[in-house]
């Protein structure tokens, strides 16, 4: 993700950063409003989503999807920089040249996929960033309950069974660490 964020042009770079760090659905990222970034409390408020088919702003997927999520200092700095270039004619943080919400499909086809191709990274979509956020959080030691809360799943089984993937040598390392504790 670091390579994608570093090589993407704006606003794609910030869109990818927000989506992958927070584990948001792309529609939720595209529906963020300037006042949803609460810098004083270091929170991002997720309250709405952009419908992929109509590009209209609507409610989030479920009651559990509406939440305040912690904003890291790095994400805060990136958003502040992005908002300095924002024209403030629209309350949405991310809008196209016409002032409308971005189309997630067009962003993926016209910007993300060409960038992935240029970087030699297999093609994926924005939703894979949500899976990556879950897997990374689990790999970094976050409890399943924390990851469930961050992804705003109403059922922990969804988080663990569908979103939590084994990263790299995590399984081997876990067995090795367990073996050291038991055998030595």
N, C-alpha and C. Protein backbone atom coordinates (compact mmCIF):
# COMPACT_ATOMS: atom_id res chain seq x y z
N UNK A 1 0.82 -1.19 0.00
CA UNK A 1 0.00 0.00 0.00
C UNK A 1 0.87 1.25 0.00
N UNK A 2 1.97 1.18 0.73
CA UNK A 2 2.88 2.33 0.79
C UNK A 2 3.35 2.70 -0.62
N UNK A 3 3.66 1.71 -1.44
CA UNK A 3 4.14 1.95 -2.80
C UNK A 3 3.04 2.59 -3.66
N UNK A 4 1.82 2.13 -3.50
CA UNK A 4 0.69 2.68 -4.26
C UNK A 4 0.45 4.13 -3.85
N UNK A 5 0.41 4.38 -2.53
CA UNK A 5 0.16 5.73 -2.03
C UNK A 5 1.26 6.69 -2.49
N UNK A 6 2.51 6.23 -2.43
CA UNK A 6 3.64 7.08 -2.80
C UNK A 6 3.65 7.43 -4.29
N UNK A 7 3.12 6.55 -5.13
CA UNK A 7 3.19 6.75 -6.58
C UNK A 7 1.89 7.27 -7.21
N UNK A 8 0.82 7.30 -6.46
CA UNK A 8 -0.46 7.77 -7.00
C UNK A 8 -0.49 9.29 -7.02
N UNK A 9 -1.15 9.84 -8.01
CA UNK A 9 -1.34 11.29 -8.05
C UNK A 9 -2.52 11.63 -7.12
N UNK A 10 -2.64 12.90 -6.83
CA UNK A 10 -3.76 13.35 -5.99
C UNK A 10 -5.00 13.54 -6.85
N UNK A 11 -6.16 13.28 -6.35
CA UNK A 11 -6.48 12.89 -4.99
C UNK A 11 -6.45 11.38 -4.74
N UNK A 12 -6.09 10.57 -5.77
CA UNK A 12 -6.10 9.12 -5.60
C UNK A 12 -5.22 8.70 -4.44
N UNK A 13 -4.08 9.31 -4.29
CA UNK A 13 -3.16 8.96 -3.21
C UNK A 13 -3.84 9.09 -1.85
N UNK A 14 -4.54 10.19 -1.62
CA UNK A 14 -5.22 10.39 -0.34
C UNK A 14 -6.43 9.48 -0.21
N UNK A 15 -7.13 9.25 -1.29
CA UNK A 15 -8.28 8.32 -1.27
C UNK A 15 -7.80 6.93 -0.85
N UNK A 16 -6.71 6.46 -1.44
CA UNK A 16 -6.16 5.15 -1.11
C UNK A 16 -5.68 5.12 0.34
N UNK A 17 -5.04 6.19 0.79
CA UNK A 17 -4.56 6.25 2.17
C UNK A 17 -5.72 6.13 3.16
N UNK A 18 -6.77 6.92 2.94
CA UNK A 18 -7.92 6.89 3.84
C UNK A 18 -8.58 5.51 3.82
N UNK A 19 -8.80 4.99 2.63
CA UNK A 19 -9.48 3.70 2.48
C UNK A 19 -8.69 2.57 3.13
N UNK A 20 -7.39 2.53 2.89
CA UNK A 20 -6.58 1.40 3.38
C UNK A 20 -6.21 1.53 4.85
N UNK A 21 -6.01 2.74 5.35
CA UNK A 21 -5.67 2.91 6.76
C UNK A 21 -6.90 2.65 7.64
N UNK A 22 -8.03 3.20 7.25
CA UNK A 22 -9.23 3.07 8.08
C UNK A 22 -10.05 1.82 7.77
N UNK A 23 -9.79 1.19 6.63
CA UNK A 23 -10.57 0.02 6.26
C UNK A 23 -11.98 0.38 5.81
N UNK A 24 -12.13 1.56 5.22
CA UNK A 24 -13.44 2.01 4.76
C UNK A 24 -13.83 1.34 3.46
N UNK A 25 -15.12 1.27 3.22
CA UNK A 25 -15.62 0.91 1.90
C UNK A 25 -15.37 2.14 1.03
N UNK A 26 -15.13 1.94 -0.26
CA UNK A 26 -14.79 3.07 -1.13
C UNK A 26 -15.92 4.10 -1.17
N UNK A 27 -17.15 3.65 -1.14
CA UNK A 27 -18.28 4.59 -1.13
C UNK A 27 -18.27 5.47 0.11
N UNK A 28 -17.84 4.91 1.23
CA UNK A 28 -17.75 5.69 2.47
C UNK A 28 -16.64 6.74 2.38
N UNK A 29 -15.51 6.35 1.79
CA UNK A 29 -14.42 7.30 1.61
C UNK A 29 -14.87 8.45 0.71
N UNK A 30 -15.51 8.12 -0.39
CA UNK A 30 -15.92 9.14 -1.35
C UNK A 30 -17.03 10.04 -0.82
N UNK A 31 -17.73 9.61 0.23
CA UNK A 31 -18.82 10.41 0.81
C UNK A 31 -18.38 11.21 2.02
N UNK A 32 -17.10 11.14 2.39
CA UNK A 32 -16.64 11.91 3.55
C UNK A 32 -16.77 13.40 3.27
N UNK A 33 -17.29 14.13 4.25
CA UNK A 33 -17.44 15.57 4.16
C UNK A 33 -16.33 16.25 4.95
N UNK A 34 -16.09 17.50 4.66
CA UNK A 34 -15.01 18.22 5.34
C UNK A 34 -15.20 18.19 6.85
N UNK A 35 -16.44 18.28 7.33
CA UNK A 35 -16.68 18.29 8.77
C UNK A 35 -16.68 16.89 9.38
N UNK A 36 -16.54 15.85 8.55
CA UNK A 36 -16.40 14.48 9.07
C UNK A 36 -14.98 14.23 9.59
N UNK A 37 -14.06 15.08 9.21
CA UNK A 37 -12.68 14.99 9.71
C UNK A 37 -12.59 15.91 10.92
N UNK A 38 -12.68 15.33 12.10
CA UNK A 38 -12.62 16.08 13.35
C UNK A 38 -11.18 16.06 13.84
N UNK A 39 -10.43 17.09 13.47
CA UNK A 39 -9.01 17.14 13.80
C UNK A 39 -8.79 17.38 15.29
N UNK A 40 -9.69 18.07 15.95
CA UNK A 40 -9.54 18.33 17.39
C UNK A 40 -9.60 17.03 18.19
N UNK A 41 -10.48 16.12 17.79
CA UNK A 41 -10.63 14.85 18.50
C UNK A 41 -9.92 13.70 17.79
N UNK A 42 -9.29 13.99 16.65
CA UNK A 42 -8.58 13.00 15.82
C UNK A 42 -9.50 11.82 15.47
N UNK A 43 -10.65 12.18 14.89
CA UNK A 43 -11.65 11.20 14.49
C UNK A 43 -12.11 11.46 13.06
N UNK A 44 -12.51 10.37 12.42
CA UNK A 44 -13.21 10.45 11.14
C UNK A 44 -14.62 9.91 11.39
N UNK A 45 -15.61 10.70 11.04
CA UNK A 45 -17.00 10.28 11.21
C UNK A 45 -17.49 9.64 9.93
N UNK A 46 -17.93 8.41 10.02
CA UNK A 46 -18.49 7.70 8.87
C UNK A 46 -19.99 7.68 9.05
N UNK A 47 -20.69 8.41 8.19
CA UNK A 47 -22.14 8.54 8.32
C UNK A 47 -22.89 8.31 7.01
N UNK A 48 -22.17 8.33 5.88
CA UNK A 48 -22.85 8.19 4.59
C UNK A 48 -21.93 7.51 3.60
N UNK A 49 -22.50 7.20 2.44
CA UNK A 49 -21.77 6.50 1.40
C UNK A 49 -22.24 7.00 0.04
N UNK A 50 -21.38 6.86 -0.95
CA UNK A 50 -21.77 7.19 -2.32
C UNK A 50 -22.18 5.89 -3.00
N UNK A 51 -23.39 5.87 -3.54
CA UNK A 51 -23.89 4.70 -4.25
C UNK A 51 -23.09 4.52 -5.54
N UNK A 52 -22.59 3.32 -5.76
CA UNK A 52 -21.72 3.05 -6.92
C UNK A 52 -22.45 3.25 -8.25
N UNK A 53 -23.72 2.90 -8.31
CA UNK A 53 -24.46 2.97 -9.57
C UNK A 53 -24.89 4.39 -9.93
N UNK A 54 -25.35 5.14 -8.92
CA UNK A 54 -25.94 6.45 -9.20
C UNK A 54 -25.06 7.63 -8.79
N UNK A 55 -24.01 7.36 -8.03
CA UNK A 55 -23.13 8.39 -7.47
C UNK A 55 -23.87 9.38 -6.59
N UNK A 56 -25.00 8.95 -6.04
CA UNK A 56 -25.71 9.79 -5.09
C UNK A 56 -25.24 9.44 -3.68
N UNK A 57 -25.24 10.43 -2.82
CA UNK A 57 -24.86 10.23 -1.43
C UNK A 57 -26.07 9.69 -0.69
N UNK A 58 -25.86 8.59 0.01
CA UNK A 58 -26.95 7.95 0.75
C UNK A 58 -26.41 7.47 2.10
N UNK A 59 -27.24 6.73 2.80
CA UNK A 59 -26.84 6.21 4.10
C UNK A 59 -25.80 5.11 3.98
N UNK A 60 -25.18 4.78 5.10
CA UNK A 60 -24.20 3.70 5.13
C UNK A 60 -24.91 2.34 5.06
N UNK A 61 -24.13 1.29 4.90
CA UNK A 61 -24.65 -0.04 4.64
C UNK A 61 -25.55 -0.55 5.77
N UNK A 62 -25.13 -0.33 7.01
CA UNK A 62 -25.92 -0.84 8.14
C UNK A 62 -25.75 0.09 9.33
N UNK A 63 -26.51 -0.16 10.38
CA UNK A 63 -26.40 0.65 11.59
C UNK A 63 -24.98 0.58 12.16
N UNK A 64 -24.38 -0.60 12.10
CA UNK A 64 -23.02 -0.77 12.62
C UNK A 64 -21.99 0.01 11.80
N UNK A 65 -22.31 0.32 10.55
CA UNK A 65 -21.36 1.01 9.67
C UNK A 65 -21.17 2.47 10.04
N UNK A 66 -22.14 3.05 10.73
CA UNK A 66 -22.04 4.45 11.15
C UNK A 66 -21.22 4.50 12.43
N UNK A 67 -20.05 5.16 12.37
CA UNK A 67 -19.16 5.16 13.53
C UNK A 67 -18.15 6.29 13.44
N UNK A 68 -17.53 6.56 14.57
CA UNK A 68 -16.39 7.48 14.64
C UNK A 68 -15.15 6.61 14.73
N UNK A 69 -14.21 6.83 13.82
CA UNK A 69 -12.99 6.03 13.77
C UNK A 69 -11.77 6.88 14.11
N UNK A 70 -10.81 6.30 14.83
CA UNK A 70 -9.61 7.07 15.18
C UNK A 70 -8.79 7.42 13.95
N UNK A 71 -8.28 8.66 13.95
CA UNK A 71 -7.45 9.14 12.85
C UNK A 71 -6.00 9.24 13.34
N UNK A 72 -5.10 8.56 12.65
CA UNK A 72 -3.69 8.63 13.02
C UNK A 72 -3.13 10.01 12.69
N UNK A 73 -2.01 10.36 13.28
CA UNK A 73 -1.35 11.64 13.01
C UNK A 73 -0.93 11.74 11.54
N UNK A 74 -0.48 10.62 10.97
CA UNK A 74 -0.07 10.60 9.56
C UNK A 74 -1.26 10.86 8.64
N UNK A 75 -2.39 10.23 8.96
CA UNK A 75 -3.59 10.43 8.14
C UNK A 75 -4.10 11.87 8.32
N UNK A 76 -4.02 12.37 9.53
CA UNK A 76 -4.41 13.76 9.78
C UNK A 76 -3.59 14.73 8.92
N UNK A 77 -2.28 14.53 8.89
CA UNK A 77 -1.41 15.40 8.10
C UNK A 77 -1.76 15.33 6.62
N UNK A 78 -2.01 14.13 6.13
CA UNK A 78 -2.36 13.96 4.71
C UNK A 78 -3.69 14.65 4.40
N UNK A 79 -4.68 14.47 5.26
CA UNK A 79 -5.98 15.10 5.03
C UNK A 79 -5.89 16.62 5.12
N UNK A 80 -5.12 17.13 6.07
CA UNK A 80 -4.95 18.58 6.18
C UNK A 80 -4.34 19.15 4.89
N UNK A 81 -3.33 18.46 4.38
CA UNK A 81 -2.68 18.89 3.13
C UNK A 81 -3.68 18.87 1.97
N UNK A 82 -4.46 17.78 1.89
CA UNK A 82 -5.47 17.67 0.83
C UNK A 82 -6.50 18.80 0.95
N UNK A 83 -6.94 19.07 2.17
CA UNK A 83 -7.98 20.09 2.37
C UNK A 83 -7.46 21.51 2.12
N UNK A 84 -6.16 21.71 2.20
CA UNK A 84 -5.60 23.03 1.84
C UNK A 84 -5.81 23.32 0.37
N UNK A 85 -5.84 22.28 -0.46
CA UNK A 85 -6.06 22.44 -1.90
C UNK A 85 -7.55 22.39 -2.26
N UNK A 86 -8.39 22.09 -1.29
CA UNK A 86 -9.83 21.94 -1.49
C UNK A 86 -10.45 23.31 -1.76
N UNK A 87 -11.36 23.40 -2.72
CA UNK A 87 -11.94 24.70 -3.06
C UNK A 87 -13.08 25.12 -2.12
N UNK A 88 -13.55 24.20 -1.30
CA UNK A 88 -14.60 24.45 -0.30
C UNK A 88 -15.93 24.90 -0.92
N UNK A 89 -16.10 24.62 -2.21
CA UNK A 89 -17.39 24.88 -2.85
C UNK A 89 -18.33 23.70 -2.60
N UNK A 90 -17.76 22.59 -2.20
CA UNK A 90 -18.52 21.37 -1.96
C UNK A 90 -18.13 20.85 -0.59
N UNK A 91 -19.07 20.33 0.15
CA UNK A 91 -18.73 19.81 1.48
C UNK A 91 -18.04 18.44 1.42
N UNK A 92 -18.14 17.76 0.28
CA UNK A 92 -17.44 16.48 0.15
C UNK A 92 -15.93 16.73 0.05
N UNK A 93 -15.16 15.86 0.68
CA UNK A 93 -13.70 15.99 0.64
C UNK A 93 -13.16 15.66 -0.74
N UNK A 94 -13.75 14.64 -1.38
CA UNK A 94 -13.25 14.17 -2.67
C UNK A 94 -14.31 14.36 -3.74
N UNK A 95 -14.05 15.27 -4.67
CA UNK A 95 -14.98 15.49 -5.78
C UNK A 95 -14.20 15.58 -7.07
N UNK A 96 -14.88 15.28 -8.17
CA UNK A 96 -14.23 15.38 -9.48
C UNK A 96 -14.21 16.84 -9.95
N UNK A 97 -13.71 17.07 -11.15
CA UNK A 97 -13.59 18.45 -11.68
C UNK A 97 -14.94 19.15 -11.79
N UNK A 98 -16.00 18.38 -11.90
CA UNK A 98 -17.34 18.97 -12.02
C UNK A 98 -17.99 19.20 -10.66
N UNK A 99 -17.27 18.87 -9.59
CA UNK A 99 -17.82 19.06 -8.25
C UNK A 99 -18.74 17.95 -7.80
N UNK A 100 -18.73 16.84 -8.52
CA UNK A 100 -19.58 15.70 -8.18
C UNK A 100 -18.74 14.63 -7.48
N UNK A 101 -19.41 13.73 -6.74
CA UNK A 101 -18.66 12.62 -6.14
C UNK A 101 -17.98 11.80 -7.23
N UNK A 102 -16.78 11.32 -6.93
CA UNK A 102 -16.09 10.45 -7.88
C UNK A 102 -16.88 9.17 -8.09
N UNK A 103 -16.74 8.60 -9.27
CA UNK A 103 -17.24 7.26 -9.56
C UNK A 103 -16.15 6.27 -9.14
N UNK A 104 -16.47 5.39 -8.21
CA UNK A 104 -15.49 4.40 -7.76
C UNK A 104 -15.03 3.53 -8.92
N UNK A 105 -15.95 3.20 -9.82
CA UNK A 105 -15.60 2.36 -10.97
C UNK A 105 -14.61 3.08 -11.90
N UNK A 106 -14.85 4.35 -12.16
CA UNK A 106 -13.94 5.10 -13.04
C UNK A 106 -12.58 5.32 -12.37
N UNK A 107 -12.58 5.58 -11.08
CA UNK A 107 -11.30 5.71 -10.36
C UNK A 107 -10.48 4.43 -10.48
N UNK A 108 -11.16 3.31 -10.31
CA UNK A 108 -10.48 2.01 -10.39
C UNK A 108 -9.95 1.75 -11.80
N UNK A 109 -10.81 1.94 -12.80
CA UNK A 109 -10.44 1.63 -14.18
C UNK A 109 -9.42 2.60 -14.77
N UNK A 110 -9.60 3.89 -14.52
CA UNK A 110 -8.78 4.91 -15.19
C UNK A 110 -7.55 5.35 -14.40
N UNK A 111 -7.56 5.13 -13.08
CA UNK A 111 -6.41 5.58 -12.29
C UNK A 111 -5.73 4.45 -11.52
N UNK A 112 -6.51 3.68 -10.75
CA UNK A 112 -5.90 2.65 -9.91
C UNK A 112 -5.28 1.53 -10.73
N UNK A 113 -6.02 0.94 -11.65
CA UNK A 113 -5.49 -0.18 -12.44
C UNK A 113 -4.27 0.21 -13.28
N UNK A 114 -4.28 1.35 -13.98
CA UNK A 114 -3.05 1.73 -14.70
C UNK A 114 -1.85 1.91 -13.76
N UNK A 115 -2.09 2.44 -12.56
CA UNK A 115 -1.01 2.61 -11.60
C UNK A 115 -0.49 1.25 -11.14
N UNK A 116 -1.39 0.34 -10.84
CA UNK A 116 -0.99 -1.01 -10.42
C UNK A 116 -0.19 -1.69 -11.52
N UNK A 117 -0.64 -1.56 -12.76
CA UNK A 117 0.08 -2.14 -13.90
C UNK A 117 1.49 -1.56 -13.99
N UNK A 118 1.60 -0.24 -13.86
CA UNK A 118 2.91 0.42 -13.96
C UNK A 118 3.85 0.00 -12.83
N UNK A 119 3.29 -0.30 -11.66
CA UNK A 119 4.10 -0.71 -10.51
C UNK A 119 4.36 -2.21 -10.47
N UNK A 120 3.74 -2.96 -11.40
CA UNK A 120 3.91 -4.42 -11.41
C UNK A 120 3.17 -5.11 -10.29
N UNK A 121 2.09 -4.50 -9.82
CA UNK A 121 1.27 -5.08 -8.75
C UNK A 121 0.02 -5.67 -9.39
N UNK A 122 -0.34 -6.90 -9.01
CA UNK A 122 -1.56 -7.50 -9.58
C UNK A 122 -2.77 -6.59 -9.35
N UNK A 123 -3.63 -6.53 -10.34
CA UNK A 123 -4.81 -5.69 -10.25
C UNK A 123 -5.73 -6.13 -9.11
N UNK A 124 -6.26 -5.16 -8.44
CA UNK A 124 -7.25 -5.37 -7.40
C UNK A 124 -8.10 -4.12 -7.34
N UNK A 125 -9.13 -4.19 -6.55
CA UNK A 125 -10.01 -3.04 -6.42
C UNK A 125 -9.87 -2.40 -5.06
N UNK A 126 -10.70 -1.41 -4.81
CA UNK A 126 -10.66 -0.71 -3.54
C UNK A 126 -11.08 -1.60 -2.38
N UNK A 127 -11.96 -2.56 -2.65
CA UNK A 127 -12.41 -3.42 -1.55
C UNK A 127 -11.28 -4.30 -1.03
N UNK A 128 -10.30 -4.60 -1.87
CA UNK A 128 -9.16 -5.39 -1.39
C UNK A 128 -8.38 -4.61 -0.34
N UNK A 129 -8.48 -3.29 -0.36
CA UNK A 129 -7.81 -2.47 0.66
C UNK A 129 -8.47 -2.66 2.02
N UNK A 130 -9.75 -2.89 2.01
CA UNK A 130 -10.49 -3.16 3.26
C UNK A 130 -10.04 -4.51 3.84
N UNK A 131 -9.90 -5.50 2.97
CA UNK A 131 -9.38 -6.80 3.41
C UNK A 131 -7.95 -6.66 3.93
N UNK A 132 -7.16 -5.88 3.22
CA UNK A 132 -5.78 -5.66 3.65
C UNK A 132 -5.70 -4.98 5.00
N UNK A 133 -6.59 -4.01 5.25
CA UNK A 133 -6.60 -3.33 6.55
C UNK A 133 -6.90 -4.32 7.66
N UNK A 134 -7.88 -5.19 7.44
CA UNK A 134 -8.22 -6.20 8.46
C UNK A 134 -7.05 -7.14 8.70
N UNK A 135 -6.46 -7.63 7.64
CA UNK A 135 -5.33 -8.57 7.77
C UNK A 135 -4.14 -7.92 8.46
N UNK A 136 -3.84 -6.69 8.09
CA UNK A 136 -2.70 -5.99 8.70
C UNK A 136 -2.94 -5.72 10.17
N UNK A 137 -4.15 -5.29 10.52
CA UNK A 137 -4.46 -5.05 11.93
C UNK A 137 -4.30 -6.32 12.75
N UNK A 138 -4.82 -7.43 12.23
CA UNK A 138 -4.69 -8.71 12.94
C UNK A 138 -3.23 -9.13 13.04
N UNK A 139 -2.49 -8.96 11.95
CA UNK A 139 -1.07 -9.32 11.93
C UNK A 139 -0.26 -8.46 12.90
N UNK A 140 -0.69 -7.21 13.09
CA UNK A 140 0.00 -6.31 14.01
C UNK A 140 -0.39 -6.54 15.47
N UNK A 141 -1.29 -7.50 15.70
CA UNK A 141 -1.63 -7.85 17.08
C UNK A 141 -2.94 -7.30 17.59
N UNK A 142 -3.70 -6.60 16.76
CA UNK A 142 -5.01 -6.12 17.20
C UNK A 142 -5.92 -7.32 17.46
N UNK A 143 -6.74 -7.22 18.48
CA UNK A 143 -7.66 -8.31 18.79
C UNK A 143 -8.76 -8.36 17.73
N UNK A 144 -9.37 -9.52 17.54
CA UNK A 144 -10.48 -9.60 16.59
C UNK A 144 -11.59 -8.59 16.90
N UNK A 145 -11.83 -8.32 18.18
CA UNK A 145 -12.87 -7.36 18.55
C UNK A 145 -12.52 -5.96 18.06
N UNK A 146 -11.26 -5.59 18.15
CA UNK A 146 -10.81 -4.26 17.68
C UNK A 146 -10.98 -4.18 16.16
N UNK A 147 -10.60 -5.22 15.46
CA UNK A 147 -10.70 -5.22 14.00
C UNK A 147 -12.16 -5.17 13.57
N UNK A 148 -13.00 -5.93 14.26
CA UNK A 148 -14.43 -5.91 13.97
C UNK A 148 -14.99 -4.50 14.15
N UNK A 149 -14.59 -3.84 15.22
CA UNK A 149 -15.06 -2.48 15.48
C UNK A 149 -14.55 -1.50 14.42
N UNK A 150 -13.28 -1.65 14.02
CA UNK A 150 -12.71 -0.75 13.01
C UNK A 150 -13.39 -0.92 11.65
N UNK A 151 -13.67 -2.17 11.28
CA UNK A 151 -14.33 -2.41 10.00
C UNK A 151 -15.85 -2.23 10.09
N UNK A 152 -16.32 -2.11 11.32
CA UNK A 152 -17.74 -1.86 11.58
C UNK A 152 -18.62 -3.01 11.10
N UNK A 153 -18.16 -4.22 11.37
CA UNK A 153 -18.97 -5.40 11.07
C UNK A 153 -19.88 -5.68 12.26
N UNK A 154 -21.13 -6.05 11.98
CA UNK A 154 -22.04 -6.37 13.08
C UNK A 154 -21.78 -7.78 13.62
N UNK A 155 -21.10 -8.61 12.86
CA UNK A 155 -20.82 -9.99 13.27
C UNK A 155 -19.32 -10.27 13.15
N UNK A 156 -18.70 -10.71 14.24
CA UNK A 156 -17.26 -10.97 14.26
C UNK A 156 -16.86 -12.07 13.28
N UNK A 157 -17.77 -12.99 12.98
CA UNK A 157 -17.45 -14.06 12.04
C UNK A 157 -17.12 -13.52 10.66
N UNK A 158 -17.80 -12.45 10.26
CA UNK A 158 -17.50 -11.83 8.96
C UNK A 158 -16.06 -11.34 8.96
N UNK A 159 -15.68 -10.65 10.03
CA UNK A 159 -14.34 -10.09 10.14
C UNK A 159 -13.29 -11.18 10.05
N UNK A 160 -13.46 -12.23 10.84
CA UNK A 160 -12.43 -13.27 10.93
C UNK A 160 -12.45 -14.23 9.75
N UNK A 161 -13.62 -14.65 9.32
CA UNK A 161 -13.70 -15.68 8.28
C UNK A 161 -13.52 -15.13 6.86
N UNK A 162 -13.95 -13.89 6.62
CA UNK A 162 -13.89 -13.36 5.26
C UNK A 162 -12.80 -12.30 5.07
N UNK A 163 -12.47 -11.56 6.12
CA UNK A 163 -11.55 -10.43 5.97
C UNK A 163 -10.15 -10.67 6.52
N UNK A 164 -10.01 -11.52 7.50
CA UNK A 164 -8.71 -11.74 8.12
C UNK A 164 -7.92 -12.81 7.37
N UNK A 165 -6.96 -12.41 6.56
CA UNK A 165 -6.14 -13.32 5.79
C UNK A 165 -4.77 -13.44 6.43
N UNK A 166 -4.14 -14.60 6.31
CA UNK A 166 -2.80 -14.78 6.83
C UNK A 166 -1.83 -14.00 5.95
N UNK A 167 -0.98 -13.20 6.58
CA UNK A 167 -0.04 -12.35 5.87
C UNK A 167 1.36 -12.96 5.93
N UNK A 168 1.96 -13.17 4.75
CA UNK A 168 3.34 -13.65 4.68
C UNK A 168 3.59 -14.90 5.50
N UNK A 169 4.61 -14.84 6.36
CA UNK A 169 4.98 -15.98 7.20
C UNK A 169 4.34 -15.90 8.58
N UNK A 170 3.23 -15.22 8.71
CA UNK A 170 2.59 -15.02 10.01
C UNK A 170 2.27 -16.35 10.69
N UNK A 171 1.76 -17.32 9.94
CA UNK A 171 1.41 -18.60 10.54
C UNK A 171 2.67 -19.31 11.05
N UNK A 172 3.71 -19.36 10.23
CA UNK A 172 4.96 -20.00 10.63
C UNK A 172 5.57 -19.30 11.84
N UNK A 173 5.56 -17.97 11.84
CA UNK A 173 6.12 -17.21 12.96
C UNK A 173 5.33 -17.45 14.24
N UNK A 174 4.01 -17.52 14.13
CA UNK A 174 3.18 -17.76 15.30
C UNK A 174 3.48 -19.13 15.91
N UNK A 175 3.62 -20.16 15.05
CA UNK A 175 3.93 -21.50 15.54
C UNK A 175 5.33 -21.51 16.17
N UNK A 176 6.28 -20.84 15.54
CA UNK A 176 7.64 -20.77 16.08
C UNK A 176 7.65 -20.08 17.45
N UNK A 177 6.97 -18.96 17.56
CA UNK A 177 6.91 -18.23 18.84
C UNK A 177 6.24 -19.06 19.92
N UNK A 178 5.19 -19.78 19.55
CA UNK A 178 4.48 -20.64 20.51
C UNK A 178 5.39 -21.78 20.94
N UNK A 179 6.12 -22.34 19.99
CA UNK A 179 7.03 -23.45 20.29
C UNK A 179 8.13 -23.01 21.25
N UNK A 180 8.67 -21.82 21.03
CA UNK A 180 9.72 -21.31 21.91
C UNK A 180 9.21 -21.18 23.34
N UNK A 181 7.98 -20.69 23.49
CA UNK A 181 7.38 -20.51 24.83
C UNK A 181 7.13 -21.84 25.52
N UNK A 182 6.73 -22.85 24.77
CA UNK A 182 6.37 -24.14 25.38
C UNK A 182 7.54 -25.07 25.59
N UNK A 183 8.46 -25.09 24.65
CA UNK A 183 9.53 -26.08 24.67
C UNK A 183 10.73 -25.61 25.50
N UNK A 184 11.04 -24.35 25.48
CA UNK A 184 12.22 -23.87 26.24
C UNK A 184 11.90 -23.61 27.69
